[in-house]
Amino acid sequence: MKDTETTGTPAQFGGAAMPPRRSSEETARLGDEIYERVIRPQVEADHHGEFVAIDVDSGSWALSDDLRTAAKRLRTQRPGAIDVWLLRVGHRALHHFGGRPIRGAE
């Protein structure tokens, strides 16, 4: 698989103070919502198994076949991102110790 560039649409804070850090549950909820609504339709077919890093404040996101690279790309694009949700395309979790991916599990 080849690395893919970021294609998110960031919102700007316009010099305003950064929002306070969210709870991990709220970050997860927002990250999953952004993924399902915006990102999944763009990546599900061609990027199975790759990692997505999402800034839940701006909606910006980065994709890579390596978790650290996805996070680094997002931090390059959004250096002030504090609430970041990470997930793997087509999987229920970032890492697994067995089991099967979501694709074809119906």
PDB file of N, CA and C in Angstrom:
ATOM      1  N   MET A   1       0.830  -1.187   0.000  1.00  0.00           N
ATOM      2  CA  MET A   1       0.000   0.000   0.000  1.00  0.00           C
ATOM      3  C   MET A   1       0.871   1.246   0.000  1.00  0.00           C
ATOM      4  N   LYS A   2       0.415   2.247  -0.669  1.00  0.00           N
ATOM      5  CA  LYS A   2       1.176   3.484  -0.682  1.00  0.00           C
ATOM      6  C   LYS A   2       0.649   4.442   0.371  1.00  0.00           C
ATOM      7  N   ASP A   3       1.519   5.307   0.875  1.00  0.00           N
ATOM      8  CA  ASP A   3       1.086   6.325   1.824  1.00  0.00           C
ATOM      9  C   ASP A   3       0.182   7.320   1.118  1.00  0.00           C
ATOM     10  N   THR A   4      -0.770   7.848   1.837  1.00  0.00           N
ATOM     11  CA  THR A   4      -1.743   8.782   1.287  1.00  0.00           C
ATOM     12  C   THR A   4      -1.629  10.100   2.022  1.00  0.00           C
ATOM     13  N   GLU A   5      -1.770  11.185   1.314  1.00  0.00           N
ATOM     14  CA  GLU A   5      -1.698  12.507   1.933  1.00  0.00           C
ATOM     15  C   GLU A   5      -2.993  12.844   2.652  1.00  0.00           C
ATOM     16  N   THR A   6      -2.917  13.767   3.570  1.00  0.00           N
ATOM     17  CA  THR A   6      -4.070  14.230   4.328  1.00  0.00           C
ATOM     18  C   THR A   6      -5.064  14.933   3.419  1.00  0.00           C
ATOM     19  N   THR A   7      -6.361  14.700   3.672  1.00  0.00           N
ATOM     20  CA  THR A   7      -7.381  15.348   2.854  1.00  0.00           C
ATOM     21  C   THR A   7      -8.489  15.962   3.699  1.00  0.00           C
ATOM     22  N   GLY A   8      -8.233  16.242   4.963  1.00  0.00           N
ATOM     23  CA  GLY A   8      -9.255  16.809   5.841  1.00  0.00           C
ATOM     24  C   GLY A   8      -9.524  18.271   5.531  1.00  0.00           C
ATOM     25  N   THR A   9     -10.584  18.806   6.123  1.00  0.00           N
ATOM     26  CA  THR A   9     -10.951  20.205   5.958  1.00  0.00           C
ATOM     27  C   THR A   9     -10.888  20.899   7.305  1.00  0.00           C
ATOM     28  N   PRO A  10      -9.785  21.598   7.626  1.00  0.00           N
ATOM     29  CA  PRO A  10      -9.649  22.178   8.953  1.00  0.00           C
ATOM     30  C   PRO A  10     -10.460  23.450   9.149  1.00  0.00           C
ATOM     31  N   ALA A  11     -10.965  23.621  10.356  1.00  0.00           N
ATOM     32  CA  ALA A  11     -11.585  24.894  10.765  1.00  0.00           C
ATOM     33  C   ALA A  11     -10.526  25.651  11.567  1.00  0.00           C
ATOM     34  N   GLN A  12     -10.487  26.940  11.458  1.00  0.00           N
ATOM     35  CA  GLN A  12      -9.463  27.734  12.134  1.00  0.00           C
ATOM     36  C   GLN A  12     -10.014  28.341  13.416  1.00  0.00           C
ATOM     37  N   PHE A  13      -9.167  28.477  14.419  1.00  0.00           N
ATOM     38  CA  PHE A  13      -9.578  29.104  15.674  1.00  0.00           C
ATOM     39  C   PHE A  13      -9.418  30.618  15.624  1.00  0.00           C
ATOM     40  N   GLY A  14      -8.753  31.132  14.618  1.00  0.00           N
ATOM     41  CA  GLY A  14      -8.628  32.574  14.439  1.00  0.00           C
ATOM     42  C   GLY A  14      -7.982  33.289  15.606  1.00  0.00           C
ATOM     43  N   GLY A  15      -6.967  32.679  16.202  1.00  0.00           N
ATOM     44  CA  GLY A  15      -6.246  33.317  17.290  1.00  0.00           C
ATOM     45  C   GLY A  15      -6.913  33.157  18.644  1.00  0.00           C
ATOM     46  N   ALA A  16      -8.064  32.515  18.707  1.00  0.00           N
ATOM     47  CA  ALA A  16      -8.753  32.298  19.978  1.00  0.00           C
ATOM     48  C   ALA A  16      -8.015  31.241  20.797  1.00  0.00           C
ATOM     49  N   ALA A  17      -8.257  31.238  22.088  1.00  0.00           N
ATOM     50  CA  ALA A  17      -7.643  30.247  22.966  1.00  0.00           C
ATOM     51  C   ALA A  17      -8.108  28.853  22.571  1.00  0.00           C
ATOM     52  N   MET A  18      -7.233  27.871  22.741  1.00  0.00           N
ATOM     53  CA  MET A  18      -7.571  26.493  22.436  1.00  0.00           C
ATOM     54  C   MET A  18      -8.655  26.021  23.398  1.00  0.00           C
ATOM     55  N   PRO A  19      -9.570  25.192  22.921  1.00  0.00           N
ATOM     56  CA  PRO A  19     -10.610  24.677  23.809  1.00  0.00           C
ATOM     57  C   PRO A  19     -10.000  23.735  24.843  1.00  0.00           C
ATOM     58  N   PRO A  20     -10.662  23.557  25.985  1.00  0.00           N
ATOM     59  CA  PRO A  20     -10.136  22.636  26.991  1.00  0.00           C
ATOM     60  C   PRO A  20     -10.166  21.202  26.484  1.00  0.00           C
ATOM     61  N   ARG A  21      -9.299  20.394  27.027  1.00  0.00           N
ATOM     62  CA  ARG A  21      -9.223  18.986  26.620  1.00  0.00           C
ATOM     63  C   ARG A  21     -10.516  18.258  27.002  1.00  0.00           C
ATOM     64  N   ARG A  22     -11.005  17.444  26.078  1.00  0.00           N
ATOM     65  CA  ARG A  22     -12.215  16.653  26.300  1.00  0.00           C
ATOM     66  C   ARG A  22     -11.893  15.364  27.052  1.00  0.00           C
ATOM     67  N   SER A  23     -12.922  14.729  27.579  1.00  0.00           N
ATOM     68  CA  SER A  23     -12.738  13.395  28.172  1.00  0.00           C
ATOM     69  C   SER A  23     -12.428  12.419  27.038  1.00  0.00           C
ATOM     70  N   SER A  24     -11.819  11.292  27.360  1.00  0.00           N
ATOM     71  CA  SER A  24     -11.490  10.304  26.330  1.00  0.00           C
ATOM     72  C   SER A  24     -12.767   9.744  25.700  1.00  0.00           C
ATOM     73  N   GLU A  25     -13.846   9.645  26.481  1.00  0.00           N
ATOM     74  CA  GLU A  25     -15.112   9.153  25.940  1.00  0.00           C
ATOM     75  C   GLU A  25     -15.683  10.129  24.908  1.00  0.00           C
ATOM     76  N   GLU A  26     -15.630  11.420  25.208  1.00  0.00           N
ATOM     77  CA  GLU A  26     -16.133  12.434  24.284  1.00  0.00           C
ATOM     78  C   GLU A  26     -15.271  12.493  23.022  1.00  0.00           C
ATOM     79  N   THR A  27     -13.951  12.401  23.179  1.00  0.00           N
ATOM     80  CA  THR A  27     -13.054  12.381  22.023  1.00  0.00           C
ATOM     81  C   THR A  27     -13.373  11.183  21.139  1.00  0.00           C
ATOM     82  N   ALA A  28     -13.588  10.021  21.753  1.00  0.00           N
ATOM     83  CA  ALA A  28     -13.914   8.804  20.997  1.00  0.00           C
ATOM     84  C   ALA A  28     -15.238   8.973  20.258  1.00  0.00           C
ATOM     85  N   ARG A  29     -16.243   9.514  20.928  1.00  0.00           N
ATOM     86  CA  ARG A  29     -17.558   9.697  20.309  1.00  0.00           C
ATOM     87  C   ARG A  29     -17.460  10.629  19.100  1.00  0.00           C
ATOM     88  N   LEU A  30     -16.798  11.771  19.291  1.00  0.00           N
ATOM     89  CA  LEU A  30     -16.654  12.738  18.197  1.00  0.00           C
ATOM     90  C   LEU A  30     -15.798  12.177  17.063  1.00  0.00           C
ATOM     91  N   GLY A  31     -14.707  11.503  17.417  1.00  0.00           N
ATOM     92  CA  GLY A  31     -13.835  10.911  16.403  1.00  0.00           C
ATOM     93  C   GLY A  31     -14.558   9.876  15.562  1.00  0.00           C
ATOM     94  N   ASP A  32     -15.338   9.008  16.218  1.00  0.00           N
ATOM     95  CA  ASP A  32     -16.106   8.009  15.486  1.00  0.00           C
ATOM     96  C   ASP A  32     -17.155   8.660  14.597  1.00  0.00           C
ATOM     97  N   GLU A  33     -17.785   9.716  15.094  1.00  0.00           N
ATOM     98  CA  GLU A  33     -18.798  10.425  14.310  1.00  0.00           C
ATOM     99  C   GLU A  33     -18.185  11.049  13.059  1.00  0.00           C
ATOM    100  N   ILE A  34     -17.054  11.715  13.216  1.00  0.00           N
ATOM    101  CA  ILE A  34     -16.356  12.329  12.072  1.00  0.00           C
ATOM    102  C   ILE A  34     -15.928  11.254  11.084  1.00  0.00           C
ATOM    103  N   TYR A  35     -15.393  10.148  11.607  1.00  0.00           N
ATOM    104  CA  TYR A  35     -14.952   9.061  10.729  1.00  0.00           C
ATOM    105  C   TYR A  35     -16.122   8.521   9.907  1.00  0.00           C
ATOM    106  N   GLU A  36     -17.230   8.204  10.562  1.00  0.00           N
ATOM    107  CA  GLU A  36     -18.368   7.613   9.864  1.00  0.00           C
ATOM    108  C   GLU A  36     -18.984   8.569   8.850  1.00  0.00           C
ATOM    109  N   ARG A  37     -19.090   9.834   9.210  1.00  0.00           N
ATOM    110  CA  ARG A  37     -19.778  10.822   8.373  1.00  0.00           C
ATOM    111  C   ARG A  37     -18.915  11.322   7.219  1.00  0.00           C
ATOM    112  N   VAL A  38     -17.623  11.562   7.483  1.00  0.00           N
ATOM    113  CA  VAL A  38     -16.773  12.246   6.502  1.00  0.00           C
ATOM    114  C   VAL A  38     -15.692  11.356   5.898  1.00  0.00           C
ATOM    115  N   ILE A  39     -14.988  10.624   6.733  1.00  0.00           N
ATOM    116  CA  ILE A  39     -13.771   9.945   6.299  1.00  0.00           C
ATOM    117  C   ILE A  39     -14.026   8.558   5.706  1.00  0.00           C
ATOM    118  N   ARG A  40     -14.847   7.777   6.373  1.00  0.00           N
ATOM    119  CA  ARG A  40     -15.069   6.391   5.937  1.00  0.00           C
ATOM    120  C   ARG A  40     -15.449   6.273   4.460  1.00  0.00           C
ATOM    121  N   PRO A  41     -16.388   7.082   3.964  1.00  0.00           N
ATOM    122  CA  PRO A  41     -16.736   6.950   2.537  1.00  0.00           C
ATOM    123  C   PRO A  41     -15.549   7.195   1.599  1.00  0.00           C
ATOM    124  N   GLN A  42     -14.557   7.944   2.053  1.00  0.00           N
ATOM    125  CA  GLN A  42     -13.406   8.263   1.211  1.00  0.00           C
ATOM    126  C   GLN A  42     -12.291   7.217   1.289  1.00  0.00           C
ATOM    127  N   VAL A  43     -12.242   6.430   2.370  1.00  0.00           N
ATOM    128  CA  VAL A  43     -11.093   5.549   2.571  1.00  0.00           C
ATOM    129  C   VAL A  43     -11.407   4.062   2.642  1.00  0.00           C
ATOM    130  N   GLU A  44     -12.628   3.697   2.946  1.00  0.00           N
ATOM    131  CA  GLU A  44     -12.962   2.296   3.223  1.00  0.00           C
ATOM    132  C   GLU A  44     -12.594   1.346   2.084  1.00  0.00           C
ATOM    133  N   ALA A  45     -12.878   1.708   0.857  1.00  0.00           N
ATOM    134  CA  ALA A  45     -12.654   0.803  -0.274  1.00  0.00           C
ATOM    135  C   ALA A  45     -11.180   0.572  -0.602  1.00  0.00           C
ATOM    136  N   ASP A  46     -10.359   1.608  -0.490  1.00  0.00           N
ATOM    137  CA  ASP A  46      -8.984   1.510  -0.984  1.00  0.00           C
ATOM    138  C   ASP A  46      -7.897   1.518   0.084  1.00  0.00           C
ATOM    139  N   HIS A  47      -8.245   1.708   1.342  1.00  0.00           N
ATOM    140  CA  HIS A  47      -7.215   1.874   2.375  1.00  0.00           C
ATOM    141  C   HIS A  47      -7.421   0.954   3.577  1.00  0.00           C
ATOM    142  N   HIS A  48      -7.980  -0.230   3.344  1.00  0.00           N
ATOM    143  CA  HIS A  48      -8.246  -1.184   4.419  1.00  0.00           C
ATOM    144  C   HIS A  48      -6.953  -1.481   5.192  1.00  0.00           C
ATOM    145  N   GLY A  49      -7.029  -1.366   6.513  1.00  0.00           N
ATOM    146  CA  GLY A  49      -5.882  -1.661   7.368  1.00  0.00           C
ATOM    147  C   GLY A  49      -4.984  -0.473   7.646  1.00  0.00           C
ATOM    148  N   GLU A  50      -5.168   0.636   6.947  1.00  0.00           N
ATOM    149  CA  GLU A  50      -4.356   1.825   7.205  1.00  0.00           C
ATOM    150  C   GLU A  50      -4.890   2.561   8.431  1.00  0.00           C
ATOM    151  N   PHE A  51      -4.087   3.462   8.973  1.00  0.00           N
ATOM    152  CA  PHE A  51      -4.426   4.185  10.188  1.00  0.00           C
ATOM    153  C   PHE A  51      -4.878   5.607   9.875  1.00  0.00           C
ATOM    154  N   VAL A  52      -5.861   6.085  10.651  1.00  0.00           N
ATOM    155  CA  VAL A  52      -6.380   7.434  10.511  1.00  0.00           C
ATOM    156  C   VAL A  52      -6.215   8.152  11.847  1.00  0.00           C
ATOM    157  N   ALA A  53      -5.665   9.355  11.809  1.00  0.00           N
ATOM    158  CA  ALA A  53      -5.570  10.227  12.978  1.00  0.00           C
ATOM    159  C   ALA A  53      -6.503  11.407  12.719  1.00  0.00           C
ATOM    160  N   ILE A  54      -7.407  11.669  13.679  1.00  0.00           N
ATOM    161  CA  ILE A  54      -8.434  12.703  13.496  1.00  0.00           C
ATOM    162  C   ILE A  54      -8.333  13.731  14.615  1.00  0.00           C
ATOM    163  N   ASP A  55      -8.238  15.010  14.245  1.00  0.00           N
ATOM    164  CA  ASP A  55      -8.346  16.104  15.217  1.00  0.00           C
ATOM    165  C   ASP A  55      -9.834  16.390  15.360  1.00  0.00           C
ATOM    166  N   VAL A  56     -10.417  16.027  16.510  1.00  0.00           N
ATOM    167  CA  VAL A  56     -11.869  16.143  16.657  1.00  0.00           C
ATOM    168  C   VAL A  56     -12.336  17.589  16.762  1.00  0.00           C
ATOM    169  N   ASP A  57     -11.443  18.531  17.051  1.00  0.00           N
ATOM    170  CA  ASP A  57     -11.832  19.942  17.116  1.00  0.00           C
ATOM    171  C   ASP A  57     -12.034  20.536  15.730  1.00  0.00           C
ATOM    172  N   SER A  58     -11.157  20.199  14.793  1.00  0.00           N
ATOM    173  CA  SER A  58     -11.214  20.809  13.470  1.00  0.00           C
ATOM    174  C   SER A  58     -11.782  19.895  12.394  1.00  0.00           C
ATOM    175  N   GLY A  59     -11.763  18.594  12.635  1.00  0.00           N
ATOM    176  CA  GLY A  59     -12.174  17.649  11.609  1.00  0.00           C
ATOM    177  C   GLY A  59     -11.051  17.283  10.663  1.00  0.00           C
ATOM    178  N   SER A  60      -9.859  17.847  10.869  1.00  0.00           N
ATOM    179  CA  SER A  60      -8.702  17.497  10.037  1.00  0.00           C
ATOM    180  C   SER A  60      -8.316  16.051  10.311  1.00  0.00           C
ATOM    181  N   TRP A  61      -7.755  15.406   9.301  1.00  0.00           N
ATOM    182  CA  TRP A  61      -7.350  14.020   9.484  1.00  0.00           C
ATOM    183  C   TRP A  61      -6.176  13.680   8.577  1.00  0.00           C
ATOM    184  N   ALA A  62      -5.467  12.627   8.963  1.00  0.00           N
ATOM    185  CA  ALA A  62      -4.321  12.157   8.193  1.00  0.00           C
ATOM    186  C   ALA A  62      -4.386  10.642   8.119  1.00  0.00           C
ATOM    187  N   LEU A  63      -3.889  10.082   7.038  1.00  0.00           N
ATOM    188  CA  LEU A  63      -3.955   8.658   6.769  1.00  0.00           C
ATOM    189  C   LEU A  63      -2.569   8.144   6.421  1.00  0.00           C
ATOM    190  N   SER A  64      -2.220   6.957   6.937  1.00  0.00           N
ATOM    191  CA  SER A  64      -0.951   6.330   6.590  1.00  0.00           C
ATOM    192  C   SER A  64      -1.036   4.840   6.882  1.00  0.00           C
ATOM    193  N   ASP A  65      -0.135   4.066   6.298  1.00  0.00           N
ATOM    194  CA  ASP A  65      -0.091   2.643   6.618  1.00  0.00           C
ATOM    195  C   ASP A  65       0.656   2.387   7.926  1.00  0.00           C
ATOM    196  N   ASP A  66       1.132   3.451   8.563  1.00  0.00           N
ATOM    197  CA  ASP A  66       1.844   3.362   9.836  1.00  0.00           C
ATOM    198  C   ASP A  66       1.182   4.324  10.830  1.00  0.00           C
ATOM    199  N   LEU A  67       0.891   3.857  12.040  1.00  0.00           N
ATOM    200  CA  LEU A  67       0.208   4.659  13.048  1.00  0.00           C
ATOM    201  C   LEU A  67       0.974   5.932  13.387  1.00  0.00           C
ATOM    202  N   ARG A  68       2.260   5.817  13.613  1.00  0.00           N
ATOM    203  CA  ARG A  68       3.059   6.995  13.986  1.00  0.00           C
ATOM    204  C   ARG A  68       3.116   8.021  12.861  1.00  0.00           C
ATOM    205  N   THR A  69       3.183   7.551  11.630  1.00  0.00           N
ATOM    206  CA  THR A  69       3.219   8.474  10.494  1.00  0.00           C
ATOM    207  C   THR A  69       1.898   9.218  10.360  1.00  0.00           C
ATOM    208  N   ALA A  70       0.779   8.534  10.570  1.00  0.00           N
ATOM    209  CA  ALA A  70      -0.533   9.202  10.505  1.00  0.00           C
ATOM    210  C   ALA A  70      -0.606  10.290  11.577  1.00  0.00           C
ATOM    211  N   ALA A  71      -0.183   9.959  12.809  1.00  0.00           N
ATOM    212  CA  ALA A  71      -0.212  10.941  13.895  1.00  0.00           C
ATOM    213  C   ALA A  71       0.732  12.101  13.606  1.00  0.00           C
ATOM    214  N   LYS A  72       1.909  11.808  13.078  1.00  0.00           N
ATOM    215  CA  LYS A  72       2.887  12.856  12.765  1.00  0.00           C
ATOM    216  C   LYS A  72       2.359  13.782  11.665  1.00  0.00           C
ATOM    217  N   ARG A  73       1.718  13.227  10.653  1.00  0.00           N
ATOM    218  CA  ARG A  73       1.146  14.048   9.583  1.00  0.00           C
ATOM    219  C   ARG A  73       0.059  14.979  10.125  1.00  0.00           C
ATOM    220  N   LEU A  74      -0.763  14.447  11.021  1.00  0.00           N
ATOM    221  CA  LEU A  74      -1.798  15.292  11.604  1.00  0.00           C
ATOM    222  C   LEU A  74      -1.178  16.396  12.446  1.00  0.00           C
ATOM    223  N   ARG A  75      -0.158  16.079  13.235  1.00  0.00           N
ATOM    224  CA  ARG A  75       0.509  17.087  14.072  1.00  0.00           C
ATOM    225  C   ARG A  75       1.225  18.142  13.220  1.00  0.00           C
ATOM    226  N   THR A  76       1.701  17.760  12.052  1.00  0.00           N
ATOM    227  CA  THR A  76       2.313  18.728  11.134  1.00  0.00           C
ATOM    228  C   THR A  76       1.250  19.683  10.606  1.00  0.00           C
ATOM    229  N   GLN A  77       0.099  19.143  10.264  1.00  0.00           N
ATOM    230  CA  GLN A  77      -0.996  19.953   9.730  1.00  0.00           C
ATOM    231  C   GLN A  77      -1.661  20.783  10.826  1.00  0.00           C
ATOM    232  N   ARG A  78      -1.820  20.211  12.015  1.00  0.00           N
ATOM    233  CA  ARG A  78      -2.518  20.842  13.139  1.00  0.00           C
ATOM    234  C   ARG A  78      -1.644  20.732  14.392  1.00  0.00           C
ATOM    235  N   PRO A  79      -0.595  21.555  14.506  1.00  0.00           N
ATOM    236  CA  PRO A  79       0.339  21.447  15.641  1.00  0.00           C
ATOM    237  C   PRO A  79      -0.329  21.613  17.010  1.00  0.00           C
ATOM    238  N   GLY A  80      -1.419  22.338  17.088  1.00  0.00           N
ATOM    239  CA  GLY A  80      -2.081  22.562  18.362  1.00  0.00           C
ATOM    240  C   GLY A  80      -3.153  21.548  18.698  1.00  0.00           C
ATOM    241  N   ALA A  81      -3.298  20.498  17.905  1.00  0.00           N
ATOM    242  CA  ALA A  81      -4.346  19.508  18.146  1.00  0.00           C
ATOM    243  C   ALA A  81      -4.135  18.831  19.497  1.00  0.00           C
ATOM    244  N   ILE A  82      -5.180  18.837  20.333  1.00  0.00           N
ATOM    245  CA  ILE A  82      -5.048  18.209  21.650  1.00  0.00           C
ATOM    246  C   ILE A  82      -5.980  17.014  21.818  1.00  0.00           C
ATOM    247  N   ASP A  83      -7.089  16.981  21.096  1.00  0.00           N
ATOM    248  CA  ASP A  83      -8.022  15.864  21.172  1.00  0.00           C
ATOM    249  C   ASP A  83      -7.965  15.107  19.852  1.00  0.00           C
ATOM    250  N   VAL A  84      -7.147  14.057  19.831  1.00  0.00           N
ATOM    251  CA  VAL A  84      -6.897  13.293  18.611  1.00  0.00           C
ATOM    252  C   VAL A  84      -7.427  11.875  18.807  1.00  0.00           C
ATOM    253  N   TRP A  85      -8.172  11.397  17.827  1.00  0.00           N
ATOM    254  CA  TRP A  85      -8.713  10.041  17.849  1.00  0.00           C
ATOM    255  C   TRP A  85      -8.012   9.242  16.762  1.00  0.00           C
ATOM    256  N   LEU A  86      -7.532   8.057  17.104  1.00  0.00           N
ATOM    257  CA  LEU A  86      -6.823   7.195  16.168  1.00  0.00           C
ATOM    258  C   LEU A  86      -7.633   5.935  15.933  1.00  0.00           C
ATOM    259  N   LEU A  87      -7.716   5.505  14.689  1.00  0.00           N
ATOM    260  CA  LEU A  87      -8.380   4.253  14.388  1.00  0.00           C
ATOM    261  C   LEU A  87      -7.807   3.631  13.137  1.00  0.00           C
ATOM    262  N   ARG A  88      -8.216   2.403  12.876  1.00  0.00           N
ATOM    263  CA  ARG A  88      -7.720   1.654  11.729  1.00  0.00           C
ATOM    264  C   ARG A  88      -8.882   1.364  10.786  1.00  0.00           C
ATOM    265  N   VAL A  89      -8.692   1.672   9.518  1.00  0.00           N
ATOM    266  CA  VAL A  89      -9.736   1.505   8.512  1.00  0.00           C
ATOM    267  C   VAL A  89     -10.137   0.029   8.416  1.00  0.00           C
ATOM    268  N   GLY A  90     -11.446  -0.226   8.619  1.00  0.00           N
ATOM    269  CA  GLY A  90     -11.975  -1.580   8.487  1.00  0.00           C
ATOM    270  C   GLY A  90     -11.793  -2.464   9.703  1.00  0.00           C
ATOM    271  N   HIS A  91     -11.337  -1.912  10.816  1.00  0.00           N
ATOM    272  CA  HIS A  91     -11.116  -2.692  12.036  1.00  0.00           C
ATOM    273  C   HIS A  91     -11.856  -2.058  13.205  1.00  0.00           C
ATOM    274  N   ARG A  92     -12.166  -2.862  14.219  1.00  0.00           N
ATOM    275  CA  ARG A  92     -12.832  -2.354  15.414  1.00  0.00           C
ATOM    276  C   ARG A  92     -11.861  -1.702  16.378  1.00  0.00           C
ATOM    277  N   ALA A  93     -10.582  -2.021  16.270  1.00  0.00           N
ATOM    278  CA  ALA A  93      -9.579  -1.500  17.195  1.00  0.00           C
ATOM    279  C   ALA A  93      -8.286  -1.201  16.440  1.00  0.00           C
ATOM    280  N   LEU A  94      -7.395  -0.411  17.078  1.00  0.00           N
ATOM    281  CA  LEU A  94      -6.104  -0.106  16.451  1.00  0.00           C
ATOM    282  C   LEU A  94      -5.268  -1.360  16.246  1.00  0.00           C
ATOM    283  N   HIS A  95      -5.235  -2.215  17.245  1.00  0.00           N
ATOM    284  CA  HIS A  95      -4.425  -3.437  17.208  1.00  0.00           C
ATOM    285  C   HIS A  95      -5.304  -4.604  17.608  1.00  0.00           C
ATOM    286  N   HIS A  96      -4.913  -5.807  17.205  1.00  0.00           N
ATOM    287  CA  HIS A  96      -5.688  -6.978  17.600  1.00  0.00           C
ATOM    288  C   HIS A  96      -4.753  -8.124  17.942  1.00  0.00           C
ATOM    289  N   PHE A  97      -5.281  -9.037  18.713  1.00  0.00           N
ATOM    290  CA  PHE A  97      -4.534 -10.211  19.138  1.00  0.00           C
ATOM    291  C   PHE A  97      -5.170 -11.480  18.586  1.00  0.00           C
ATOM    292  N   GLY A  98      -5.906 -11.358  17.533  1.00  0.00           N
ATOM    293  CA  GLY A  98      -6.645 -12.467  16.942  1.00  0.00           C
ATOM    294  C   GLY A  98      -7.961 -11.939  16.428  1.00  0.00           C
ATOM    295  N   GLY A  99      -8.855 -12.819  16.063  1.00  0.00           N
ATOM    296  CA  GLY A  99     -10.147 -12.371  15.562  1.00  0.00           C
ATOM    297  C   GLY A  99     -10.073 -11.989  14.098  1.00  0.00           C
ATOM    298  N   ARG A 100     -11.146 -11.315  13.651  1.00  0.00           N
ATOM    299  CA  ARG A 100     -11.246 -10.941  12.235  1.00  0.00           C
ATOM    300  C   ARG A 100     -11.560  -9.470  12.101  1.00  0.00           C
ATOM    301  N   PRO A 101     -11.174  -8.860  10.969  1.00  0.00           N
ATOM    302  CA  PRO A 101     -11.571  -7.467  10.710  1.00  0.00           C
ATOM    303  C   PRO A 101     -13.066  -7.386  10.451  1.00  0.00           C
ATOM    304  N   ILE A 102     -13.608  -6.175  10.424  1.00  0.00           N
ATOM    305  CA  ILE A 102     -15.030  -5.952  10.207  1.00  0.00           C
ATOM    306  C   ILE A 102     -15.460  -6.373   8.815  1.00  0.00           C
ATOM    307  N   ARG A 103     -14.632  -6.142   7.807  1.00  0.00           N
ATOM    308  CA  ARG A 103     -14.989  -6.435   6.414  1.00  0.00           C
ATOM    309  C   ARG A 103     -15.385  -7.898   6.275  1.00  0.00           C
ATOM    310  N   GLY A 104     -16.569  -8.134   5.744  1.00  0.00           N
ATOM    311  CA  GLY A 104     -17.033  -9.501   5.498  1.00  0.00           C
ATOM    312  C   GLY A 104     -17.516 -10.230   6.735  1.00  0.00           C
ATOM    313  N   ALA A 105     -17.647  -9.540   7.873  1.00  0.00           N
ATOM    314  CA  ALA A 105     -18.026 -10.192   9.113  1.00  0.00           C
ATOM    315  C   ALA A 105     -19.540 -10.282   9.307  1.00  0.00           C
ATOM    316  N   GLU A 106     -20.317  -9.897   8.331  1.00  0.00           N
ATOM    317  CA  GLU A 106     -21.780  -9.870   8.501  1.00  0.00           C
ATOM    318  C   GLU A 106     -22.401 -11.187   8.387  1.00  0.00           C
TER     319      GLU A 106
END
